[in-house]
Amino acid sequence: MIVEEVMKHEVWKLSPKDTIKKAIQLMDEKNIRHIPIEDEDGCIAGIISDRDIKEALSSDIGFPNNYSQILEHKLEQIMIKEVITAHPLDFVEEVASLFYENQISCIPIVSNKKMVGIVTKTDILYTFLQLTGALQPGSKIEVKVPNRAGMLSKAAAVISDLNVNIHSVLVNPFHLDESFKILVFRVQTMNPTPIVKALKEQGFDVLLPYTWVPLNE
């Protein structure tokens, strides 16, 4: 999945010469926490967050006159100028890495030096919930298998033979032994017991759910 599929295409922007007061009003009106700043050429010049505004105002709490003056300060005085951006064709997992590595909450999406969208941590989290099938009703089954070719297809075939749809599959490393992998199936059934039984009968090591299933029934 690429960023273009998950980003917000409608972006609320301001200019470096706009005031902190205007940014606060825009955030309140649109219920947003980040505002990209564009220069006269339509290129991204910076970005501000509600945290940046709070920090700018915090030192003058209790001083009404100073507070009013700060509200009229230009955004260019408080905006973050070194902006981390991404491209619409970047993969979602690459952008997720940017969020993690840089500890940021918002990334403008830029193409041909022009901003075409914006993506937030919440957007990425929601996307991964969709990819894992966690938002759909069903059950999760974890199976430990040898780390070799063909194990995923064999386990999936057992589930398919029971006419159960698979929402998603993740393949995770087994932290205790690199010669094994963990297959995480999200399946479209609220009763995974028949699947667990069938997998065990085929010799698979089912880790989750923790259900005792007699094999000779």
N, C-alpha and C. Protein backbone atom coordinates (compact mmCIF):
# COMPACT_ATOMS: atom_id res chain seq x y z
N MET A 1 0.85 -1.19 0.00
CA MET A 1 0.00 0.00 0.00
C MET A 1 0.89 1.24 0.00
N ILE A 2 0.51 2.25 -0.79
CA ILE A 2 1.29 3.48 -0.87
C ILE A 2 0.60 4.62 -0.13
N VAL A 3 1.37 5.65 0.15
CA VAL A 3 0.89 6.78 0.96
C VAL A 3 -0.31 7.47 0.31
N GLU A 4 -0.32 7.55 -1.00
CA GLU A 4 -1.40 8.23 -1.72
C GLU A 4 -2.77 7.66 -1.35
N GLU A 5 -2.81 6.38 -0.98
CA GLU A 5 -4.07 5.72 -0.65
C GLU A 5 -4.57 6.06 0.75
N VAL A 6 -3.70 6.55 1.62
CA VAL A 6 -4.11 6.79 3.01
C VAL A 6 -4.01 8.25 3.44
N MET A 7 -3.34 9.08 2.65
CA MET A 7 -3.15 10.47 3.06
C MET A 7 -4.44 11.28 2.92
N LYS A 8 -4.50 12.38 3.67
CA LYS A 8 -5.59 13.34 3.52
C LYS A 8 -5.24 14.28 2.37
N HIS A 9 -6.14 14.38 1.40
CA HIS A 9 -5.86 15.22 0.24
C HIS A 9 -6.21 16.69 0.50
N GLU A 10 -7.16 16.93 1.39
CA GLU A 10 -7.52 18.30 1.74
C GLU A 10 -6.64 18.76 2.90
N VAL A 11 -5.80 19.75 2.64
CA VAL A 11 -4.84 20.21 3.64
C VAL A 11 -5.09 21.68 3.95
N TRP A 12 -5.19 21.99 5.23
CA TRP A 12 -5.36 23.38 5.67
C TRP A 12 -3.99 23.98 5.92
N LYS A 13 -3.68 25.06 5.19
CA LYS A 13 -2.34 25.64 5.23
C LYS A 13 -2.39 27.11 5.60
N LEU A 14 -1.26 27.61 6.09
CA LEU A 14 -1.09 29.03 6.36
C LEU A 14 0.25 29.48 5.79
N SER A 15 0.50 30.78 5.87
CA SER A 15 1.76 31.33 5.36
C SER A 15 2.65 31.74 6.54
N PRO A 16 3.94 31.92 6.31
CA PRO A 16 4.84 32.32 7.39
C PRO A 16 4.45 33.65 8.04
N LYS A 17 3.76 34.50 7.30
CA LYS A 17 3.39 35.82 7.82
C LYS A 17 2.07 35.81 8.60
N ASP A 18 1.35 34.70 8.58
CA ASP A 18 0.14 34.61 9.39
C ASP A 18 0.52 34.56 10.86
N THR A 19 -0.45 34.89 11.71
CA THR A 19 -0.17 35.01 13.15
C THR A 19 -0.48 33.72 13.90
N ILE A 20 0.06 33.65 15.11
CA ILE A 20 -0.25 32.53 16.00
C ILE A 20 -1.74 32.49 16.28
N LYS A 21 -2.34 33.65 16.44
CA LYS A 21 -3.78 33.72 16.70
C LYS A 21 -4.57 33.07 15.57
N LYS A 22 -4.18 33.34 14.34
CA LYS A 22 -4.89 32.76 13.19
C LYS A 22 -4.72 31.24 13.17
N ALA A 23 -3.55 30.77 13.54
CA ALA A 23 -3.31 29.32 13.58
C ALA A 23 -4.19 28.66 14.63
N ILE A 24 -4.32 29.29 15.79
CA ILE A 24 -5.18 28.75 16.85
C ILE A 24 -6.62 28.67 16.38
N GLN A 25 -7.07 29.72 15.71
CA GLN A 25 -8.45 29.75 15.21
C GLN A 25 -8.68 28.65 14.18
N LEU A 26 -7.70 28.43 13.29
CA LEU A 26 -7.84 27.40 12.26
C LEU A 26 -7.85 26.00 12.88
N MET A 27 -6.99 25.79 13.86
CA MET A 27 -6.97 24.49 14.53
C MET A 27 -8.29 24.20 15.22
N ASP A 28 -8.84 25.21 15.88
CA ASP A 28 -10.13 25.03 16.57
C ASP A 28 -11.26 24.78 15.57
N GLU A 29 -11.26 25.54 14.49
CA GLU A 29 -12.34 25.45 13.50
C GLU A 29 -12.33 24.11 12.77
N LYS A 30 -11.14 23.62 12.41
CA LYS A 30 -11.03 22.40 11.61
C LYS A 30 -10.71 21.16 12.45
N ASN A 31 -10.55 21.35 13.75
CA ASN A 31 -10.24 20.24 14.67
C ASN A 31 -8.99 19.49 14.21
N ILE A 32 -7.92 20.25 14.01
CA ILE A 32 -6.64 19.69 13.58
C ILE A 32 -5.55 20.08 14.57
N ARG A 33 -4.42 19.37 14.51
CA ARG A 33 -3.33 19.63 15.45
C ARG A 33 -2.05 20.08 14.75
N HIS A 34 -2.04 20.01 13.42
CA HIS A 34 -0.84 20.39 12.67
C HIS A 34 -1.24 21.25 11.48
N ILE A 35 -0.41 22.25 11.19
CA ILE A 35 -0.66 23.12 10.04
C ILE A 35 0.64 23.30 9.26
N PRO A 36 0.69 22.85 8.01
CA PRO A 36 1.85 23.12 7.16
C PRO A 36 1.88 24.60 6.79
N ILE A 37 3.08 25.11 6.63
CA ILE A 37 3.27 26.51 6.26
C ILE A 37 3.86 26.57 4.86
N GLU A 38 3.19 27.30 3.97
CA GLU A 38 3.64 27.42 2.58
C GLU A 38 4.17 28.82 2.31
N ASP A 39 5.21 28.89 1.46
CA ASP A 39 5.73 30.19 1.06
C ASP A 39 4.95 30.73 -0.13
N GLU A 40 5.40 31.85 -0.67
CA GLU A 40 4.68 32.51 -1.77
C GLU A 40 4.67 31.67 -3.04
N ASP A 41 5.63 30.77 -3.18
CA ASP A 41 5.72 29.93 -4.37
C ASP A 41 4.93 28.63 -4.24
N GLY A 42 4.25 28.47 -3.11
CA GLY A 42 3.47 27.26 -2.89
C GLY A 42 4.30 26.08 -2.42
N CYS A 43 5.54 26.34 -2.02
CA CYS A 43 6.41 25.28 -1.51
C CYS A 43 6.35 25.26 0.01
N ILE A 44 6.56 24.10 0.59
CA ILE A 44 6.48 24.00 2.03
C ILE A 44 7.67 24.70 2.69
N ALA A 45 7.36 25.58 3.64
CA ALA A 45 8.40 26.36 4.31
C ALA A 45 8.57 25.95 5.77
N GLY A 46 7.58 25.25 6.30
CA GLY A 46 7.65 24.84 7.69
C GLY A 46 6.38 24.14 8.11
N ILE A 47 6.30 23.85 9.39
CA ILE A 47 5.10 23.22 9.94
C ILE A 47 5.00 23.60 11.41
N ILE A 48 3.77 23.75 11.90
CA ILE A 48 3.57 24.02 13.32
C ILE A 48 2.55 23.02 13.86
N SER A 49 2.65 22.78 15.15
CA SER A 49 1.71 21.90 15.84
C SER A 49 1.10 22.64 17.02
N ASP A 50 0.06 22.06 17.60
CA ASP A 50 -0.52 22.67 18.78
C ASP A 50 0.50 22.73 19.91
N ARG A 51 1.43 21.78 19.93
CA ARG A 51 2.47 21.81 20.96
C ARG A 51 3.40 23.00 20.79
N ASP A 52 3.75 23.33 19.54
CA ASP A 52 4.59 24.49 19.29
C ASP A 52 3.93 25.77 19.79
N ILE A 53 2.62 25.86 19.57
CA ILE A 53 1.88 27.04 20.01
C ILE A 53 1.83 27.10 21.53
N LYS A 54 1.57 25.97 22.17
CA LYS A 54 1.52 25.94 23.64
C LYS A 54 2.85 26.35 24.25
N GLU A 55 3.94 25.90 23.65
CA GLU A 55 5.27 26.27 24.15
C GLU A 55 5.53 27.76 23.98
N ALA A 56 5.05 28.31 22.87
CA ALA A 56 5.24 29.74 22.63
C ALA A 56 4.46 30.59 23.63
N LEU A 57 3.32 30.08 24.06
CA LEU A 57 2.46 30.84 24.97
C LEU A 57 2.74 30.56 26.44
N SER A 58 3.34 29.43 26.74
CA SER A 58 3.44 28.98 28.14
C SER A 58 4.25 29.91 29.02
N SER A 59 5.29 30.54 28.48
CA SER A 59 6.15 31.38 29.31
C SER A 59 5.47 32.66 29.75
N ASP A 60 4.32 32.98 29.13
CA ASP A 60 3.67 34.24 29.46
C ASP A 60 2.31 34.05 30.11
N ILE A 61 2.06 32.85 30.65
CA ILE A 61 0.82 32.63 31.39
C ILE A 61 0.82 33.51 32.63
N GLY A 62 -0.21 34.24 32.83
CA GLY A 62 -0.30 35.16 33.97
C GLY A 62 0.08 36.58 33.61
N PHE A 63 0.53 36.79 32.38
CA PHE A 63 0.88 38.13 31.92
C PHE A 63 0.03 38.47 30.70
N PRO A 64 -1.20 38.95 30.91
CA PRO A 64 -2.15 39.17 29.81
C PRO A 64 -1.61 40.00 28.67
N ASN A 65 -0.84 41.04 28.99
CA ASN A 65 -0.34 41.91 27.93
C ASN A 65 0.64 41.16 27.03
N ASN A 66 1.57 40.44 27.65
CA ASN A 66 2.53 39.66 26.87
C ASN A 66 1.82 38.58 26.05
N TYR A 67 0.81 37.95 26.66
CA TYR A 67 0.06 36.89 25.99
C TYR A 67 -0.59 37.42 24.72
N SER A 68 -1.21 38.59 24.81
CA SER A 68 -1.86 39.19 23.65
C SER A 68 -0.86 39.52 22.56
N GLN A 69 0.32 39.97 22.98
CA GLN A 69 1.34 40.30 21.99
C GLN A 69 1.84 39.06 21.27
N ILE A 70 2.01 37.97 22.02
CA ILE A 70 2.51 36.74 21.41
C ILE A 70 1.52 36.20 20.39
N LEU A 71 0.23 36.38 20.65
CA LEU A 71 -0.78 35.92 19.69
C LEU A 71 -0.60 36.58 18.33
N GLU A 72 0.00 37.76 18.32
CA GLU A 72 0.20 38.48 17.06
C GLU A 72 1.56 38.18 16.42
N HIS A 73 2.36 37.34 17.06
CA HIS A 73 3.64 36.96 16.45
C HIS A 73 3.41 36.17 15.16
N LYS A 74 4.34 36.28 14.25
CA LYS A 74 4.23 35.57 12.98
C LYS A 74 4.62 34.10 13.17
N LEU A 75 4.01 33.26 12.35
CA LEU A 75 4.29 31.83 12.46
C LEU A 75 5.73 31.50 12.10
N GLU A 76 6.36 32.32 11.28
CA GLU A 76 7.75 32.07 10.92
C GLU A 76 8.67 32.12 12.13
N GLN A 77 8.19 32.72 13.24
CA GLN A 77 8.99 32.81 14.45
C GLN A 77 8.96 31.51 15.27
N ILE A 78 7.95 30.69 15.07
CA ILE A 78 7.84 29.47 15.89
C ILE A 78 7.78 28.18 15.07
N MET A 79 7.64 28.29 13.76
CA MET A 79 7.45 27.08 12.96
C MET A 79 8.73 26.25 12.88
N ILE A 80 8.56 24.96 12.69
CA ILE A 80 9.69 24.06 12.44
C ILE A 80 10.06 24.17 10.97
N LYS A 81 11.28 24.56 10.70
CA LYS A 81 11.68 24.83 9.32
C LYS A 81 12.27 23.61 8.61
N GLU A 82 12.87 22.71 9.37
CA GLU A 82 13.41 21.49 8.77
C GLU A 82 12.31 20.43 8.80
N VAL A 83 11.56 20.38 7.72
CA VAL A 83 10.36 19.53 7.67
C VAL A 83 10.68 18.19 7.01
N ILE A 84 10.29 17.13 7.67
CA ILE A 84 10.42 15.79 7.09
C ILE A 84 9.19 15.54 6.22
N THR A 85 9.42 15.20 4.97
CA THR A 85 8.32 14.99 4.03
C THR A 85 8.40 13.59 3.42
N ALA A 86 7.34 13.22 2.74
CA ALA A 86 7.29 11.95 2.01
C ALA A 86 6.65 12.19 0.65
N HIS A 87 6.72 11.19 -0.21
CA HIS A 87 6.16 11.27 -1.56
C HIS A 87 4.90 10.40 -1.63
N PRO A 88 3.93 10.78 -2.46
CA PRO A 88 2.69 9.99 -2.56
C PRO A 88 2.91 8.53 -2.92
N LEU A 89 4.02 8.22 -3.61
CA LEU A 89 4.27 6.84 -4.03
C LEU A 89 5.13 6.05 -3.05
N ASP A 90 5.50 6.67 -1.94
CA ASP A 90 6.24 5.94 -0.90
C ASP A 90 5.35 4.86 -0.30
N PHE A 91 5.96 3.78 0.15
CA PHE A 91 5.19 2.73 0.81
C PHE A 91 4.82 3.16 2.23
N VAL A 92 3.67 2.71 2.68
CA VAL A 92 3.18 3.08 4.01
C VAL A 92 4.17 2.68 5.09
N GLU A 93 4.79 1.50 4.96
CA GLU A 93 5.72 1.06 6.00
C GLU A 93 6.97 1.93 6.04
N GLU A 94 7.36 2.52 4.90
CA GLU A 94 8.50 3.44 4.89
C GLU A 94 8.17 4.71 5.66
N VAL A 95 6.96 5.20 5.48
CA VAL A 95 6.54 6.40 6.21
C VAL A 95 6.37 6.09 7.69
N ALA A 96 5.90 4.90 8.01
CA ALA A 96 5.80 4.49 9.42
C ALA A 96 7.17 4.53 10.08
N SER A 97 8.20 4.13 9.34
CA SER A 97 9.57 4.18 9.86
C SER A 97 10.01 5.61 10.13
N LEU A 98 9.59 6.54 9.26
CA LEU A 98 9.92 7.95 9.48
C LEU A 98 9.30 8.46 10.78
N PHE A 99 8.06 8.09 11.01
CA PHE A 99 7.40 8.50 12.26
C PHE A 99 8.17 7.97 13.47
N TYR A 100 8.54 6.70 13.41
CA TYR A 100 9.22 6.05 14.54
C TYR A 100 10.62 6.62 14.76
N GLU A 101 11.39 6.75 13.69
CA GLU A 101 12.78 7.18 13.81
C GLU A 101 12.91 8.63 14.23
N ASN A 102 11.96 9.47 13.82
CA ASN A 102 12.06 10.90 14.10
C ASN A 102 11.13 11.38 15.21
N GLN A 103 10.31 10.46 15.74
CA GLN A 103 9.39 10.79 16.84
C GLN A 103 8.55 12.02 16.50
N ILE A 104 7.89 11.97 15.35
CA ILE A 104 7.03 13.06 14.90
C ILE A 104 5.60 12.54 14.76
N SER A 105 4.66 13.47 14.59
CA SER A 105 3.25 13.09 14.56
C SER A 105 2.57 13.40 13.24
N CYS A 106 3.28 14.07 12.33
CA CYS A 106 2.65 14.49 11.07
C CYS A 106 3.72 14.62 9.99
N ILE A 107 3.39 14.18 8.78
CA ILE A 107 4.32 14.29 7.66
C ILE A 107 3.58 14.85 6.44
N PRO A 108 3.99 16.02 5.94
CA PRO A 108 3.43 16.53 4.68
C PRO A 108 3.87 15.65 3.51
N ILE A 109 2.99 15.49 2.55
CA ILE A 109 3.29 14.69 1.36
C ILE A 109 3.54 15.65 0.20
N VAL A 110 4.71 15.52 -0.41
CA VAL A 110 5.16 16.49 -1.41
C VAL A 110 5.47 15.80 -2.73
N SER A 111 5.02 16.42 -3.83
CA SER A 111 5.34 15.95 -5.17
C SER A 111 5.67 17.15 -6.04
N ASN A 112 6.81 17.09 -6.72
CA ASN A 112 7.27 18.22 -7.55
C ASN A 112 7.33 19.51 -6.75
N LYS A 113 7.82 19.39 -5.52
CA LYS A 113 8.03 20.52 -4.60
C LYS A 113 6.73 21.14 -4.10
N LYS A 114 5.58 20.57 -4.47
CA LYS A 114 4.29 21.08 -4.02
C LYS A 114 3.65 20.09 -3.06
N MET A 115 3.01 20.62 -2.03
CA MET A 115 2.35 19.76 -1.07
C MET A 115 1.02 19.28 -1.64
N VAL A 116 0.83 17.95 -1.63
CA VAL A 116 -0.38 17.37 -2.22
C VAL A 116 -1.21 16.62 -1.18
N GLY A 117 -0.72 16.56 0.04
CA GLY A 117 -1.48 15.86 1.08
C GLY A 117 -0.75 15.89 2.40
N ILE A 118 -1.33 15.21 3.36
CA ILE A 118 -0.72 15.14 4.69
C ILE A 118 -1.12 13.82 5.33
N VAL A 119 -0.23 13.26 6.13
CA VAL A 119 -0.53 12.01 6.82
C VAL A 119 -0.08 12.13 8.27
N THR A 120 -0.88 11.60 9.18
CA THR A 120 -0.58 11.68 10.60
C THR A 120 -0.31 10.29 11.17
N LYS A 121 0.18 10.26 12.40
CA LYS A 121 0.40 8.99 13.08
C LYS A 121 -0.90 8.19 13.16
N THR A 122 -1.99 8.90 13.43
CA THR A 122 -3.29 8.23 13.54
C THR A 122 -3.69 7.58 12.22
N ASP A 123 -3.42 8.26 11.10
CA ASP A 123 -3.71 7.69 9.79
C ASP A 123 -2.95 6.38 9.57
N ILE A 124 -1.67 6.39 9.96
CA ILE A 124 -0.83 5.20 9.78
C ILE A 124 -1.30 4.06 10.69
N LEU A 125 -1.63 4.40 11.94
CA LEU A 125 -2.11 3.38 12.87
C LEU A 125 -3.39 2.74 12.36
N TYR A 126 -4.32 3.57 11.87
CA TYR A 126 -5.58 3.06 11.35
C TYR A 126 -5.34 2.15 10.13
N THR A 127 -4.38 2.55 9.29
CA THR A 127 -4.06 1.74 8.12
C THR A 127 -3.55 0.36 8.51
N PHE A 128 -2.67 0.32 9.52
CA PHE A 128 -2.13 -0.97 9.95
C PHE A 128 -3.21 -1.83 10.62
N LEU A 129 -4.15 -1.19 11.30
CA LEU A 129 -5.28 -1.95 11.86
C LEU A 129 -6.09 -2.59 10.73
N GLN A 130 -6.27 -1.84 9.64
CA GLN A 130 -6.98 -2.39 8.49
C GLN A 130 -6.21 -3.54 7.86
N LEU A 131 -4.90 -3.36 7.70
CA LEU A 131 -4.07 -4.37 7.06
C LEU A 131 -4.03 -5.67 7.86
N THR A 132 -4.10 -5.56 9.17
CA THR A 132 -4.06 -6.76 10.01
C THR A 132 -5.43 -7.40 10.18
N GLY A 133 -6.49 -6.73 9.70
CA GLY A 133 -7.83 -7.27 9.85
C GLY A 133 -8.39 -7.11 11.25
N ALA A 134 -7.73 -6.33 12.10
CA ALA A 134 -8.15 -6.19 13.49
C ALA A 134 -9.50 -5.50 13.64
N LEU A 135 -9.92 -4.74 12.63
CA LEU A 135 -11.18 -4.02 12.71
C LEU A 135 -12.37 -4.86 12.25
N GLN A 136 -12.09 -6.06 11.77
CA GLN A 136 -13.16 -6.94 11.30
C GLN A 136 -13.44 -8.03 12.33
N PRO A 137 -14.70 -8.41 12.49
CA PRO A 137 -15.01 -9.48 13.45
C PRO A 137 -14.36 -10.79 13.02
N GLY A 138 -13.83 -11.50 13.99
CA GLY A 138 -13.17 -12.76 13.67
C GLY A 138 -12.29 -13.22 14.81
N SER A 139 -11.36 -14.10 14.51
CA SER A 139 -10.47 -14.68 15.52
C SER A 139 -9.03 -14.64 15.02
N LYS A 140 -8.11 -14.65 15.99
CA LYS A 140 -6.68 -14.67 15.65
C LYS A 140 -6.09 -16.02 16.02
N ILE A 141 -5.29 -16.57 15.11
CA ILE A 141 -4.63 -17.85 15.34
C ILE A 141 -3.14 -17.67 15.06
N GLU A 142 -2.31 -18.05 16.03
CA GLU A 142 -0.86 -17.99 15.86
C GLU A 142 -0.29 -19.40 15.76
N VAL A 143 0.53 -19.61 14.74
CA VAL A 143 1.09 -20.94 14.49
C VAL A 143 2.61 -20.82 14.35
N LYS A 144 3.35 -21.62 15.11
CA LYS A 144 4.81 -21.65 14.99
C LYS A 144 5.20 -22.69 13.95
N VAL A 145 5.97 -22.26 12.95
CA VAL A 145 6.36 -23.17 11.87
C VAL A 145 7.86 -23.05 11.62
N PRO A 146 8.47 -24.08 11.04
CA PRO A 146 9.87 -23.98 10.64
C PRO A 146 10.06 -22.86 9.62
N ASN A 147 11.17 -22.18 9.71
CA ASN A 147 11.46 -21.06 8.83
C ASN A 147 11.98 -21.56 7.48
N ARG A 148 11.05 -22.11 6.71
CA ARG A 148 11.41 -22.60 5.38
C ARG A 148 10.23 -22.40 4.42
N ALA A 149 10.53 -22.48 3.14
CA ALA A 149 9.53 -22.20 2.11
C ALA A 149 8.38 -23.20 2.18
N GLY A 150 7.18 -22.69 1.90
CA GLY A 150 6.01 -23.55 1.77
C GLY A 150 5.16 -23.71 3.01
N MET A 151 5.66 -23.28 4.18
CA MET A 151 4.91 -23.50 5.41
C MET A 151 3.65 -22.64 5.47
N LEU A 152 3.73 -21.41 4.96
CA LEU A 152 2.56 -20.54 4.97
C LEU A 152 1.44 -21.13 4.11
N SER A 153 1.79 -21.59 2.92
CA SER A 153 0.76 -22.13 2.03
C SER A 153 0.13 -23.40 2.61
N LYS A 154 0.92 -24.21 3.31
CA LYS A 154 0.39 -25.43 3.90
C LYS A 154 -0.61 -25.12 5.02
N ALA A 155 -0.25 -24.17 5.87
CA ALA A 155 -1.15 -23.79 6.96
C ALA A 155 -2.42 -23.14 6.41
N ALA A 156 -2.25 -22.27 5.41
CA ALA A 156 -3.41 -21.60 4.81
C ALA A 156 -4.34 -22.61 4.15
N ALA A 157 -3.77 -23.68 3.58
CA ALA A 157 -4.59 -24.70 2.92
C ALA A 157 -5.49 -25.42 3.92
N VAL A 158 -4.99 -25.62 5.13
CA VAL A 158 -5.80 -26.27 6.17
C VAL A 158 -7.03 -25.41 6.48
N ILE A 159 -6.82 -24.11 6.59
CA ILE A 159 -7.93 -23.19 6.87
C ILE A 159 -8.89 -23.14 5.69
N SER A 160 -8.34 -23.10 4.49
CA SER A 160 -9.16 -23.05 3.28
C SER A 160 -10.04 -24.29 3.15
N ASP A 161 -9.50 -25.44 3.53
CA ASP A 161 -10.27 -26.69 3.43
C ASP A 161 -11.51 -26.67 4.33
N LEU A 162 -11.50 -25.81 5.35
CA LEU A 162 -12.66 -25.68 6.24
C LEU A 162 -13.61 -24.58 5.77
N ASN A 163 -13.33 -24.01 4.58
CA ASN A 163 -14.16 -22.95 4.00
C ASN A 163 -14.25 -21.72 4.89
N VAL A 164 -13.14 -21.40 5.54
CA VAL A 164 -13.07 -20.20 6.39
C VAL A 164 -12.21 -19.16 5.67
N ASN A 165 -12.74 -17.95 5.57
CA ASN A 165 -12.01 -16.87 4.90
C ASN A 165 -10.91 -16.32 5.80
N ILE A 166 -9.78 -16.00 5.20
CA ILE A 166 -8.66 -15.40 5.93
C ILE A 166 -8.66 -13.90 5.68
N HIS A 167 -8.83 -13.10 6.76
CA HIS A 167 -8.81 -11.65 6.62
C HIS A 167 -7.40 -11.15 6.31
N SER A 168 -6.41 -11.67 7.05
CA SER A 168 -5.04 -11.20 6.88
C SER A 168 -4.07 -12.24 7.43
N VAL A 169 -2.81 -12.10 7.00
CA VAL A 169 -1.74 -12.97 7.49
C VAL A 169 -0.50 -12.12 7.76
N LEU A 170 0.09 -12.30 8.93
CA LEU A 170 1.36 -11.67 9.25
C LEU A 170 2.38 -12.77 9.52
N VAL A 171 3.62 -12.52 9.16
CA VAL A 171 4.70 -13.46 9.44
C VAL A 171 5.71 -12.76 10.34
N ASN A 172 5.82 -13.24 11.58
CA ASN A 172 6.70 -12.62 12.57
C ASN A 172 7.87 -13.54 12.90
N PRO A 173 9.02 -12.97 13.27
CA PRO A 173 10.13 -13.80 13.73
C PRO A 173 9.81 -14.43 15.09
N PHE A 174 10.35 -15.61 15.34
CA PHE A 174 10.22 -16.24 16.65
C PHE A 174 11.48 -15.88 17.44
N HIS A 175 11.31 -15.03 18.46
CA HIS A 175 12.46 -14.41 19.11
C HIS A 175 13.36 -15.41 19.85
N LEU A 176 12.86 -16.60 20.14
CA LEU A 176 13.66 -17.59 20.87
C LEU A 176 14.49 -18.48 19.96
N ASP A 177 14.14 -18.52 18.68
CA ASP A 177 14.84 -19.42 17.76
C ASP A 177 14.61 -18.95 16.33
N GLU A 178 15.67 -18.50 15.66
CA GLU A 178 15.55 -17.95 14.31
C GLU A 178 15.18 -19.00 13.27
N SER A 179 15.23 -20.26 13.64
CA SER A 179 14.87 -21.31 12.68
C SER A 179 13.36 -21.52 12.60
N PHE A 180 12.61 -20.70 13.36
CA PHE A 180 11.15 -20.77 13.32
C PHE A 180 10.56 -19.40 13.02
N LYS A 181 9.34 -19.40 12.51
CA LYS A 181 8.55 -18.19 12.29
C LYS A 181 7.19 -18.36 12.95
N ILE A 182 6.53 -17.23 13.21
CA ILE A 182 5.17 -17.24 13.73
C ILE A 182 4.22 -16.73 12.65
N LEU A 183 3.28 -17.57 12.24
CA LEU A 183 2.24 -17.16 11.30
C LEU A 183 1.04 -16.68 12.11
N VAL A 184 0.60 -15.47 11.83
CA VAL A 184 -0.54 -14.90 12.55
C VAL A 184 -1.70 -14.75 11.56
N PHE A 185 -2.69 -15.58 11.71
CA PHE A 185 -3.87 -15.54 10.84
C PHE A 185 -5.01 -14.81 11.54
N ARG A 186 -5.66 -13.90 10.83
CA ARG A 186 -6.93 -13.32 11.28
C ARG A 186 -8.01 -13.94 10.39
N VAL A 187 -8.89 -14.73 10.99
CA VAL A 187 -9.85 -15.51 10.21
C VAL A 187 -11.29 -15.06 10.49
N GLN A 188 -12.14 -15.27 9.50
CA GLN A 188 -13.52 -14.80 9.56
C GLN A 188 -14.41 -15.85 10.24
N THR A 189 -14.17 -16.05 11.50
CA THR A 189 -15.02 -16.92 12.31
C THR A 189 -14.84 -16.56 13.78
N MET A 190 -15.91 -16.66 14.55
CA MET A 190 -15.82 -16.40 15.98
C MET A 190 -15.51 -17.68 16.75
N ASN A 191 -15.49 -18.80 16.05
CA ASN A 191 -15.17 -20.09 16.69
C ASN A 191 -13.98 -20.72 15.98
N PRO A 192 -12.77 -20.47 16.47
CA PRO A 192 -11.58 -21.00 15.80
C PRO A 192 -11.24 -22.44 16.17
N THR A 193 -12.02 -23.04 17.06
CA THR A 193 -11.68 -24.38 17.55
C THR A 193 -11.52 -25.42 16.44
N PRO A 194 -12.44 -25.50 15.46
CA PRO A 194 -12.24 -26.48 14.38
C PRO A 194 -10.95 -26.26 13.60
N ILE A 195 -10.56 -24.99 13.43
CA ILE A 195 -9.32 -24.70 12.71
C ILE A 195 -8.12 -25.15 13.53
N VAL A 196 -8.15 -24.84 14.83
CA VAL A 196 -7.05 -25.25 15.70
C VAL A 196 -6.91 -26.77 15.69
N LYS A 197 -8.03 -27.46 15.77
CA LYS A 197 -8.02 -28.93 15.76
C LYS A 197 -7.41 -29.46 14.46
N ALA A 198 -7.84 -28.89 13.33
CA ALA A 198 -7.34 -29.34 12.03
C ALA A 198 -5.85 -29.07 11.88
N LEU A 199 -5.40 -27.91 12.34
CA LEU A 199 -3.98 -27.57 12.25
C LEU A 199 -3.14 -28.54 13.09
N LYS A 200 -3.61 -28.82 14.29
CA LYS A 200 -2.87 -29.74 15.16
C LYS A 200 -2.83 -31.15 14.58
N GLU A 201 -3.92 -31.54 13.96
CA GLU A 201 -3.95 -32.87 13.34
C GLU A 201 -2.94 -32.98 12.20
N GLN A 202 -2.63 -31.84 11.58
CA GLN A 202 -1.64 -31.82 10.50
C GLN A 202 -0.22 -31.59 11.03
N GLY A 203 -0.09 -31.57 12.36
CA GLY A 203 1.23 -31.45 12.96
C GLY A 203 1.71 -30.05 13.23
N PHE A 204 0.83 -29.05 13.08
CA PHE A 204 1.23 -27.66 13.33
C PHE A 204 1.21 -27.36 14.83
N ASP A 205 2.14 -26.50 15.24
CA ASP A 205 2.24 -26.06 16.64
C ASP A 205 1.44 -24.77 16.80
N VAL A 206 0.22 -24.87 17.32
CA VAL A 206 -0.66 -23.71 17.48
C VAL A 206 -0.39 -23.05 18.83
N LEU A 207 0.04 -21.78 18.79
CA LEU A 207 0.34 -21.05 20.02
C LEU A 207 -0.87 -20.32 20.57
N LEU A 208 -1.68 -19.79 19.70
CA LEU A 208 -2.91 -19.08 20.07
C LEU A 208 -4.03 -19.52 19.14
N PRO A 209 -5.27 -19.59 19.61
CA PRO A 209 -5.70 -19.34 20.99
C PRO A 209 -5.30 -20.47 21.92
N TYR A 210 -5.26 -20.15 23.23
CA TYR A 210 -4.90 -21.16 24.22
C TYR A 210 -6.11 -22.04 24.50
N THR A 211 -6.35 -22.94 23.60
CA THR A 211 -7.53 -23.82 23.70
C THR A 211 -7.08 -25.27 23.67
N TRP A 212 -7.57 -26.04 24.66
CA TRP A 212 -7.27 -27.47 24.65
C TRP A 212 -8.21 -28.14 23.66
N VAL A 213 -7.63 -28.79 22.68
CA VAL A 213 -8.43 -29.43 21.64
C VAL A 213 -8.04 -30.90 21.56
N PRO A 214 -8.94 -31.83 21.91
CA PRO A 214 -8.63 -33.25 21.77
C PRO A 214 -8.54 -33.62 20.29
N LEU A 215 -7.50 -34.35 19.92
CA LEU A 215 -7.27 -34.66 18.51
C LEU A 215 -8.00 -35.91 18.05
N ASN A 216 -8.52 -36.70 18.99
CA ASN A 216 -9.11 -37.98 18.61
C ASN A 216 -10.62 -37.98 18.63
N GLU A 217 -11.22 -36.77 18.64
CA GLU A 217 -12.69 -36.70 18.62
C GLU A 217 -13.20 -36.99 17.22
